[in-house]
Amino acid sequence: MLNRKERIQGAHTSLSPGKTSLPAAGFGLVLLLLTACGGGRPADPVQPGAVAIGDLDIHRRSDMEFFSRLRRPGALYIRPPADLAAGVKASTAVVIAEVTGVRPTRTPGDGDPQPLIGVVLRPVEVLKGRLRPEPKEAVAEFLGGSTADSADPIAELRRTLPRGKAIWFLRWNGKSPRAAKTGATPLPEVDKQYYSLVHMEGGVFVQGPSGILAPTAQRNHSNPTGPSLRNSREKFQKPSELAHRIRTAT
């Protein structure tokens, strides 16, 4: 059974498609994570169908720079949800949200192998599931640390905050694995303040120039045999179409 560190590392696998149209039946290539942290959980976001999603279907090229900086290739491989239904089922909540900020969440001194950063979300609609009461606010946690492109990734992410909304598949990190053995070390309390993406290959979706994109997916990856967004039969052209499918699915 994977622990939290392995789940986070797995989300940043190198096995991922870059730009990809989102199919109703295909959730993504590789599975994983990242999260939300808290300081004061907002009141439950507006319930399904109650919010005008407005600019969800507008493609903003500048927003892609932000999401590309969240990619971390070469991490532990974790199998992705097989399709959209599986992705929704694996999520604690699927939300339409705006990004309002970025901040450090954990450091190697906290027992993590590398820094983690949190993308602060403002959910405007819950499409499926329910946000947990424990996190004070929705913060999706990603692997941080300096890269060849940036010595200060948080500053770069703050500089490129996306202006548009996106669909986020979030999984709460505070739930103990089903297969946890009796006497196993309990999850740290801090985990209850964070979410993870269900998978980097299909945890966030935005409007692209000619269809939906999974902007955190790795580029230049081919996966012709396994389940993926690209080899699914159904494809959505707009995030609003995907949102409607999730909202109305039983």
C-alpha atoms as a PDB file:
ATOM      1  CA  MET A   1       0.000   0.000   0.000  1.00  0.00           C
ATOM      2  CA  LEU A   2       1.450   3.364  -0.994  1.00  0.00           C
ATOM      3  CA  ASN A   3       2.094   5.933   1.691  1.00  0.00           C
ATOM      4  CA  ARG A   4       1.486   9.642   1.220  1.00  0.00           C
ATOM      5  CA  LYS A   5       5.002  10.374  -0.070  1.00  0.00           C
ATOM      6  CA  GLU A   6       4.739   7.620  -2.658  1.00  0.00           C
ATOM      7  CA  ARG A   7       1.324   8.871  -3.752  1.00  0.00           C
ATOM      8  CA  ILE A   8       2.677  12.393  -4.246  1.00  0.00           C
ATOM      9  CA  GLN A   9       5.746  11.174  -6.111  1.00  0.00           C
ATOM     10  CA  GLY A  10       3.594   8.923  -8.249  1.00  0.00           C
ATOM     11  CA  ALA A  11       1.490  11.759  -9.422  1.00  0.00           C
ATOM     12  CA  HIS A  12       4.574  13.256 -10.953  1.00  0.00           C
ATOM     13  CA  THR A  13       5.307  10.349 -13.243  1.00  0.00           C
ATOM     14  CA  SER A  14       7.072  10.789 -16.520  1.00  0.00           C
ATOM     15  CA  LEU A  15       4.472   8.599 -18.242  1.00  0.00           C
ATOM     16  CA  SER A  16       2.059  11.233 -19.388  1.00  0.00           C
ATOM     17  CA  PRO A  17       0.554  12.879 -22.425  1.00  0.00           C
ATOM     18  CA  GLY A  18       1.081  16.575 -22.802  1.00  0.00           C
ATOM     19  CA  LYS A  19      -1.872  18.129 -24.453  1.00  0.00           C
ATOM     20  CA  THR A  20      -4.826  15.872 -24.645  1.00  0.00           C
ATOM     21  CA  SER A  21      -8.513  16.031 -25.377  1.00  0.00           C
ATOM     22  CA  LEU A  22     -10.559  14.818 -22.454  1.00  0.00           C
ATOM     23  CA  PRO A  23     -12.832  11.919 -23.196  1.00  0.00           C
ATOM     24  CA  ALA A  24     -15.892  11.182 -21.161  1.00  0.00           C
ATOM     25  CA  ALA A  25     -14.737   7.586 -20.890  1.00  0.00           C
ATOM     26  CA  GLY A  26     -11.027   8.187 -20.498  1.00  0.00           C
ATOM     27  CA  PHE A  27      -9.726   9.879 -17.402  1.00  0.00           C
ATOM     28  CA  GLY A  28      -6.002   9.933 -18.059  1.00  0.00           C
ATOM     29  CA  LEU A  29      -2.740   8.098 -18.449  1.00  0.00           C
ATOM     30  CA  VAL A  30      -1.081   7.894 -15.145  1.00  0.00           C
ATOM     31  CA  LEU A  31      -2.517   8.254 -11.673  1.00  0.00           C
ATOM     32  CA  LEU A  32      -2.003  10.630  -8.880  1.00  0.00           C
ATOM     33  CA  LEU A  33      -2.129  13.392  -6.692  1.00  0.00           C
ATOM     34  CA  LEU A  34      -1.602  16.429  -4.886  1.00  0.00           C
ATOM     35  CA  THR A  35      -3.497  18.452  -2.546  1.00  0.00           C
ATOM     36  CA  ALA A  36      -5.228  21.031  -0.613  1.00  0.00           C
ATOM     37  CA  CYS A  37      -4.158  22.523   2.626  1.00  0.00           C
ATOM     38  CA  GLY A  38      -5.972  24.573   5.053  1.00  0.00           C
ATOM     39  CA  GLY A  39      -6.293  27.563   7.148  1.00  0.00           C
ATOM     40  CA  GLY A  40      -9.988  28.037   7.425  1.00  0.00           C
ATOM     41  CA  ARG A  41     -12.181  25.973   5.311  1.00  0.00           C
ATOM     42  CA  PRO A  42     -14.613  28.031   3.297  1.00  0.00           C
ATOM     43  CA  ALA A  43     -18.256  27.284   3.678  1.00  0.00           C
ATOM     44  CA  ASP A  44     -19.254  24.481   1.365  1.00  0.00           C
ATOM     45  CA  PRO A  45     -18.881  25.808  -2.184  1.00  0.00           C
ATOM     46  CA  VAL A  46     -22.059  26.381  -4.053  1.00  0.00           C
ATOM     47  CA  GLN A  47     -23.815  23.162  -4.866  1.00  0.00           C
ATOM     48  CA  PRO A  48     -23.900  21.643  -8.365  1.00  0.00           C
ATOM     49  CA  GLY A  49     -25.530  23.777 -10.989  1.00  0.00           C
ATOM     50  CA  ALA A  50     -25.785  26.880  -8.802  1.00  0.00           C
ATOM     51  CA  VAL A  51     -22.858  28.853 -10.220  1.00  0.00           C
ATOM     52  CA  ALA A  52     -22.391  30.392 -13.633  1.00  0.00           C
ATOM     53  CA  ILE A  53     -19.046  29.026 -14.774  1.00  0.00           C
ATOM     54  CA  GLY A  54     -18.424  31.966 -17.103  1.00  0.00           C
ATOM     55  CA  ASP A  55     -14.885  31.839 -18.451  1.00  0.00           C
ATOM     56  CA  LEU A  56     -14.376  28.080 -18.017  1.00  0.00           C
ATOM     57  CA  ASP A  57     -14.411  27.621 -21.812  1.00  0.00           C
ATOM     58  CA  ILE A  58     -11.983  30.450 -22.583  1.00  0.00           C
ATOM     59  CA  HIS A  59      -8.484  29.395 -23.646  1.00  0.00           C
ATOM     60  CA  ARG A  60      -5.758  31.505 -22.088  1.00  0.00           C
ATOM     61  CA  ARG A  61      -2.357  30.654 -23.409  1.00  0.00           C
ATOM     62  CA  SER A  62      -0.669  32.465 -20.526  1.00  0.00           C
ATOM     63  CA  ASP A  63      -2.298  30.087 -18.018  1.00  0.00           C
ATOM     64  CA  MET A  64      -0.422  27.150 -19.522  1.00  0.00           C
ATOM     65  CA  GLU A  65       2.904  28.450 -18.180  1.00  0.00           C
ATOM     66  CA  PHE A  66       1.630  28.119 -14.620  1.00  0.00           C
ATOM     67  CA  PHE A  67       0.494  24.519 -15.012  1.00  0.00           C
ATOM     68  CA  SER A  68       3.642  23.502 -16.891  1.00  0.00           C
ATOM     69  CA  ARG A  69       5.691  24.539 -13.850  1.00  0.00           C
ATOM     70  CA  LEU A  70       3.848  21.982 -11.724  1.00  0.00           C
ATOM     71  CA  ARG A  71       5.159  19.059 -13.778  1.00  0.00           C
ATOM     72  CA  ARG A  72       7.867  16.891 -12.256  1.00  0.00           C
ATOM     73  CA  PRO A  73       8.827  14.052 -14.627  1.00  0.00           C
ATOM     74  CA  GLY A  74      10.547  10.859 -13.645  1.00  0.00           C
ATOM     75  CA  ALA A  75       8.749  10.028 -10.404  1.00  0.00           C
ATOM     76  CA  LEU A  76       7.146   6.820  -9.207  1.00  0.00           C
ATOM     77  CA  TYR A  77       4.663   5.341 -11.682  1.00  0.00           C
ATOM     78  CA  ILE A  78       1.141   4.816 -10.416  1.00  0.00           C
ATOM     79  CA  ARG A  79      -1.593   3.473 -12.637  1.00  0.00           C
ATOM     80  CA  PRO A  80      -4.262   6.044 -13.552  1.00  0.00           C
ATOM     81  CA  PRO A  81      -8.021   5.690 -13.248  1.00  0.00           C
ATOM     82  CA  ALA A  82      -9.250   3.653 -16.204  1.00  0.00           C
ATOM     83  CA  ASP A  83     -11.922   6.134 -17.259  1.00  0.00           C
ATOM     84  CA  LEU A  84     -13.863   9.219 -16.242  1.00  0.00           C
ATOM     85  CA  ALA A  85     -16.182   7.300 -13.922  1.00  0.00           C
ATOM     86  CA  ALA A  86     -13.205   5.773 -12.126  1.00  0.00           C
ATOM     87  CA  GLY A  87     -11.577   9.187 -11.829  1.00  0.00           C
ATOM     88  CA  VAL A  88     -14.694  10.671 -10.271  1.00  0.00           C
ATOM     89  CA  LYS A  89     -15.032   7.719  -7.904  1.00  0.00           C
ATOM     90  CA  ALA A  90     -11.423   8.080  -6.769  1.00  0.00           C
ATOM     91  CA  SER A  91     -11.948  11.770  -5.998  1.00  0.00           C
ATOM     92  CA  THR A  92     -13.133  13.176  -2.706  1.00  0.00           C
ATOM     93  CA  ALA A  93     -14.527  16.101  -4.680  1.00  0.00           C
ATOM     94  CA  VAL A  94     -14.514  17.276  -8.292  1.00  0.00           C
ATOM     95  CA  VAL A  95     -14.702  21.060  -8.365  1.00  0.00           C
ATOM     96  CA  ILE A  96     -14.582  24.047 -10.652  1.00  0.00           C
ATOM     97  CA  ALA A  97     -12.072  26.382  -9.035  1.00  0.00           C
ATOM     98  CA  GLU A  98      -9.860  29.405  -9.476  1.00  0.00           C
ATOM     99  CA  VAL A  99      -6.242  29.590  -8.325  1.00  0.00           C
ATOM    100  CA  THR A 100      -5.768  32.377  -5.779  1.00  0.00           C
ATOM    101  CA  GLY A 101      -2.221  31.813  -4.603  1.00  0.00           C
ATOM    102  CA  VAL A 102       0.792  29.568  -4.046  1.00  0.00           C
ATOM    103  CA  ARG A 103       2.692  28.949  -0.825  1.00  0.00           C
ATOM    104  CA  PRO A 104       5.177  26.499   0.709  1.00  0.00           C
ATOM    105  CA  THR A 105       3.508  23.711   2.663  1.00  0.00           C
ATOM    106  CA  ARG A 106       6.233  21.329   3.865  1.00  0.00           C
ATOM    107  CA  THR A 107      10.015  21.190   3.907  1.00  0.00           C
ATOM    108  CA  PRO A 108      12.511  18.316   4.094  1.00  0.00           C
ATOM    109  CA  GLY A 109      12.765  19.113   7.794  1.00  0.00           C
ATOM    110  CA  ASP A 110       9.142  18.013   8.164  1.00  0.00           C
ATOM    111  CA  GLY A 111      10.158  14.503   7.161  1.00  0.00           C
ATOM    112  CA  ASP A 112       9.476  14.863   3.447  1.00  0.00           C
ATOM    113  CA  PRO A 113      12.214  14.006   0.916  1.00  0.00           C
ATOM    114  CA  GLN A 114      11.806  17.333  -0.865  1.00  0.00           C
ATOM    115  CA  PRO A 115       9.855  20.578  -0.495  1.00  0.00           C
ATOM    116  CA  LEU A 116       6.139  20.576  -1.203  1.00  0.00           C
ATOM    117  CA  ILE A 117       4.184  23.572  -2.404  1.00  0.00           C
ATOM    118  CA  GLY A 118       0.488  24.297  -2.176  1.00  0.00           C
ATOM    119  CA  VAL A 119      -1.726  25.744  -4.886  1.00  0.00           C
ATOM    120  CA  VAL A 120      -4.525  27.597  -3.109  1.00  0.00           C
ATOM    121  CA  LEU A 121      -7.921  27.105  -4.744  1.00  0.00           C
ATOM    122  CA  ARG A 122     -11.199  28.981  -4.521  1.00  0.00           C
ATOM    123  CA  PRO A 123     -13.890  26.451  -5.464  1.00  0.00           C
ATOM    124  CA  VAL A 124     -16.889  28.021  -7.172  1.00  0.00           C
ATOM    125  CA  GLU A 125     -18.850  24.811  -7.751  1.00  0.00           C
ATOM    126  CA  VAL A 126     -18.736  21.259  -6.483  1.00  0.00           C
ATOM    127  CA  LEU A 127     -19.565  18.974  -9.408  1.00  0.00           C
ATOM    128  CA  LYS A 128     -19.360  15.684  -7.496  1.00  0.00           C
ATOM    129  CA  GLY A 129     -18.532  14.611  -3.979  1.00  0.00           C
ATOM    130  CA  ARG A 130     -17.985  16.957  -1.071  1.00  0.00           C
ATOM    131  CA  LEU A 131     -15.026  18.887   0.270  1.00  0.00           C
ATOM    132  CA  ARG A 132     -13.916  17.661   3.673  1.00  0.00           C
ATOM    133  CA  PRO A 133     -14.510  19.788   6.786  1.00  0.00           C
ATOM    134  CA  GLU A 134     -10.960  19.290   8.115  1.00  0.00           C
ATOM    135  CA  PRO A 135      -8.998  21.480   5.668  1.00  0.00           C
ATOM    136  CA  LYS A 136      -9.378  25.167   6.427  1.00  0.00           C
ATOM    137  CA  GLU A 137      -9.079  25.960   2.748  1.00  0.00           C
ATOM    138  CA  ALA A 138      -8.554  24.041  -0.457  1.00  0.00           C
ATOM    139  CA  VAL A 139      -4.838  23.735  -1.225  1.00  0.00           C
ATOM    140  CA  ALA A 140      -3.564  21.257  -3.796  1.00  0.00           C
ATOM    141  CA  GLU A 141      -0.096  20.058  -2.875  1.00  0.00           C
ATOM    142  CA  PHE A 142       2.624  19.499  -5.484  1.00  0.00           C
ATOM    143  CA  LEU A 143       6.279  18.552  -5.445  1.00  0.00           C
ATOM    144  CA  GLY A 144       8.375  21.695  -5.169  1.00  0.00           C
ATOM    145  CA  GLY A 145      12.050  22.452  -5.098  1.00  0.00           C
ATOM    146  CA  SER A 146      14.255  24.300  -7.538  1.00  0.00           C
ATOM    147  CA  THR A 147      14.607  23.111 -11.121  1.00  0.00           C
ATOM    148  CA  ALA A 148      16.866  23.861 -14.058  1.00  0.00           C
ATOM    149  CA  ASP A 149      14.304  26.461 -15.131  1.00  0.00           C
ATOM    150  CA  SER A 150      13.749  28.133 -11.778  1.00  0.00           C
ATOM    151  CA  ALA A 151      15.671  28.488  -8.537  1.00  0.00           C
ATOM    152  CA  ASP A 152      12.538  29.875  -6.864  1.00  0.00           C
ATOM    153  CA  PRO A 153       9.519  27.901  -8.134  1.00  0.00           C
ATOM    154  CA  ILE A 154       7.048  29.567  -5.774  1.00  0.00           C
ATOM    155  CA  ALA A 155       7.958  33.026  -7.055  1.00  0.00           C
ATOM    156  CA  GLU A 156       7.595  31.853 -10.646  1.00  0.00           C
ATOM    157  CA  LEU A 157       4.227  30.246  -9.942  1.00  0.00           C
ATOM    158  CA  ARG A 158       2.977  33.392  -8.240  1.00  0.00           C
ATOM    159  CA  ARG A 159       4.119  35.430 -11.213  1.00  0.00           C
ATOM    160  CA  THR A 160       2.123  33.259 -13.612  1.00  0.00           C
ATOM    161  CA  LEU A 161      -1.102  32.642 -11.643  1.00  0.00           C
ATOM    162  CA  PRO A 162      -3.820  31.522 -14.091  1.00  0.00           C
ATOM    163  CA  ARG A 163      -6.691  33.927 -14.690  1.00  0.00           C
ATOM    164  CA  GLY A 164      -9.214  31.299 -15.754  1.00  0.00           C
ATOM    165  CA  LYS A 165     -11.082  28.518 -13.990  1.00  0.00           C
ATOM    166  CA  ALA A 166     -10.317  24.806 -14.247  1.00  0.00           C
ATOM    167  CA  ILE A 167     -11.869  21.475 -13.285  1.00  0.00           C
ATOM    168  CA  TRP A 168      -9.947  19.833 -10.434  1.00  0.00           C
ATOM    169  CA  PHE A 169     -10.194  16.170  -9.338  1.00  0.00           C
ATOM    170  CA  LEU A 170      -9.151  16.283  -5.672  1.00  0.00           C
ATOM    171  CA  ARG A 171      -8.512  13.454  -3.253  1.00  0.00           C
ATOM    172  CA  TRP A 172      -8.228  14.116   0.472  1.00  0.00           C
ATOM    173  CA  ASN A 173      -4.944  12.979   1.975  1.00  0.00           C
ATOM    174  CA  GLY A 174      -6.369  12.379   5.432  1.00  0.00           C
ATOM    175  CA  LYS A 175      -8.017   9.068   4.629  1.00  0.00           C
ATOM    176  CA  SER A 176      -6.090   6.023   5.792  1.00  0.00           C
ATOM    177  CA  PRO A 177      -5.451   3.332   3.143  1.00  0.00           C
ATOM    178  CA  ARG A 178      -7.966   0.488   3.312  1.00  0.00           C
ATOM    179  CA  ALA A 179      -5.215  -2.082   3.535  1.00  0.00           C
ATOM    180  CA  ALA A 180      -3.476  -0.398   6.459  1.00  0.00           C
ATOM    181  CA  LYS A 181      -2.316  -3.094   8.839  1.00  0.00           C
ATOM    182  CA  THR A 182      -3.210  -3.140  12.499  1.00  0.00           C
ATOM    183  CA  GLY A 183      -0.538  -1.260  14.376  1.00  0.00           C
ATOM    184  CA  ALA A 184       0.615   0.628  11.276  1.00  0.00           C
ATOM    185  CA  THR A 185       1.875   4.167  11.811  1.00  0.00           C
ATOM    186  CA  PRO A 186      -1.126   6.512  11.621  1.00  0.00           C
ATOM    187  CA  LEU A 187      -1.167   9.291   9.065  1.00  0.00           C
ATOM    188  CA  PRO A 188       0.260  12.600  10.283  1.00  0.00           C
ATOM    189  CA  GLU A 189      -2.400  15.081  11.378  1.00  0.00           C
ATOM    190  CA  VAL A 190      -1.057  17.563   8.839  1.00  0.00           C
ATOM    191  CA  ASP A 191      -2.202  15.245   6.032  1.00  0.00           C
ATOM    192  CA  LYS A 192      -5.791  16.070   6.944  1.00  0.00           C
ATOM    193  CA  GLN A 193      -5.200  19.627   5.773  1.00  0.00           C
ATOM    194  CA  TYR A 194      -4.325  18.674   2.197  1.00  0.00           C
ATOM    195  CA  TYR A 195      -5.713  17.162  -0.980  1.00  0.00           C
ATOM    196  CA  SER A 196      -3.922  15.480  -3.851  1.00  0.00           C
ATOM    197  CA  LEU A 197      -4.794  15.380  -7.510  1.00  0.00           C
ATOM    198  CA  VAL A 198      -6.238  12.018  -8.468  1.00  0.00           C
ATOM    199  CA  HIS A 199      -3.496  11.965 -11.078  1.00  0.00           C
ATOM    200  CA  MET A 200      -1.152  14.401 -12.773  1.00  0.00           C
ATOM    201  CA  GLU A 201      -2.312  13.020 -16.124  1.00  0.00           C
ATOM    202  CA  GLY A 202      -5.952  13.741 -15.470  1.00  0.00           C
ATOM    203  CA  GLY A 203      -6.346  15.750 -12.299  1.00  0.00           C
ATOM    204  CA  VAL A 204      -6.864  19.180 -13.848  1.00  0.00           C
ATOM    205  CA  PHE A 205      -8.603  20.149 -17.073  1.00  0.00           C
ATOM    206  CA  VAL A 206      -8.716  23.500 -18.873  1.00  0.00           C
ATOM    207  CA  GLN A 207      -9.762  24.863 -22.236  1.00  0.00           C
ATOM    208  CA  GLY A 208      -7.119  24.490 -24.929  1.00  0.00           C
ATOM    209  CA  PRO A 209      -6.996  26.038 -28.414  1.00  0.00           C
ATOM    210  CA  SER A 210      -8.908  23.119 -29.967  1.00  0.00           C
ATOM    211  CA  GLY A 211     -10.317  21.066 -27.110  1.00  0.00           C
ATOM    212  CA  ILE A 212      -9.769  20.229 -23.477  1.00  0.00           C
ATOM    213  CA  LEU A 213      -6.214  19.985 -22.145  1.00  0.00           C
ATOM    214  CA  ALA A 214      -4.751  18.171 -19.157  1.00  0.00           C
ATOM    215  CA  PRO A 215      -2.106  20.858 -18.507  1.00  0.00           C
ATOM    216  CA  THR A 216      -0.186  19.041 -15.750  1.00  0.00           C
ATOM    217  CA  ALA A 217       0.382  15.985 -17.975  1.00  0.00           C
ATOM    218  CA  GLN A 218       3.873  15.391 -19.280  1.00  0.00           C
ATOM    219  CA  ARG A 219       4.576  16.215 -22.897  1.00  0.00           C
ATOM    220  CA  ASN A 220       5.776  13.974 -25.706  1.00  0.00           C
ATOM    221  CA  HIS A 221       4.587  10.727 -24.180  1.00  0.00           C
ATOM    222  CA  SER A 222       3.006   7.895 -26.129  1.00  0.00           C
ATOM    223  CA  ASN A 223       0.828   5.258 -24.480  1.00  0.00           C
ATOM    224  CA  PRO A 224      -0.916   3.388 -27.322  1.00  0.00           C
ATOM    225  CA  THR A 225      -2.129   0.404 -25.310  1.00  0.00           C
ATOM    226  CA  GLY A 226      -3.110   1.487 -21.814  1.00  0.00           C
ATOM    227  CA  PRO A 227      -6.175   3.513 -20.860  1.00  0.00           C
ATOM    228  CA  SER A 228      -5.637   7.161 -21.634  1.00  0.00           C
ATOM    229  CA  LEU A 229      -7.417  10.329 -22.549  1.00  0.00           C
ATOM    230  CA  ARG A 230      -6.319  10.049 -26.151  1.00  0.00           C
ATOM    231  CA  ASN A 231      -7.533   6.555 -27.000  1.00  0.00           C
ATOM    232  CA  SER A 232     -10.976   6.938 -25.507  1.00  0.00           C
ATOM    233  CA  ARG A 233     -13.961   6.967 -27.833  1.00  0.00           C
ATOM    234  CA  GLU A 234     -15.712  10.008 -26.383  1.00  0.00           C
ATOM    235  CA  LYS A 235     -14.026  13.385 -26.331  1.00  0.00           C
ATOM    236  CA  PHE A 236     -15.200  16.734 -25.009  1.00  0.00           C
ATOM    237  CA  GLN A 237     -14.314  19.960 -26.752  1.00  0.00           C
ATOM    238  CA  LYS A 238     -15.156  22.258 -23.824  1.00  0.00           C
ATOM    239  CA  PRO A 239     -14.713  22.033 -20.061  1.00  0.00           C
ATOM    240  CA  SER A 240     -18.357  23.035 -19.652  1.00  0.00           C
ATOM    241  CA  GLU A 241     -19.344  19.843 -21.495  1.00  0.00           C
ATOM    242  CA  LEU A 242     -17.182  17.792 -19.150  1.00  0.00           C
ATOM    243  CA  ALA A 243     -18.618  19.618 -16.147  1.00  0.00           C
ATOM    244  CA  HIS A 244     -22.148  18.839 -17.318  1.00  0.00           C
ATOM    245  CA  ARG A 245     -21.295  15.162 -17.735  1.00  0.00           C
ATOM    246  CA  ILE A 246     -19.838  14.949 -14.231  1.00  0.00           C
ATOM    247  CA  ARG A 247     -22.663  16.983 -12.725  1.00  0.00           C
ATOM    248  CA  THR A 248     -25.400  14.826 -14.207  1.00  0.00           C
ATOM    249  CA  ALA A 249     -23.741  11.410 -13.875  1.00  0.00           C
ATOM    250  CA  THR A 250     -25.381   9.057 -11.402  1.00  0.00           C
END
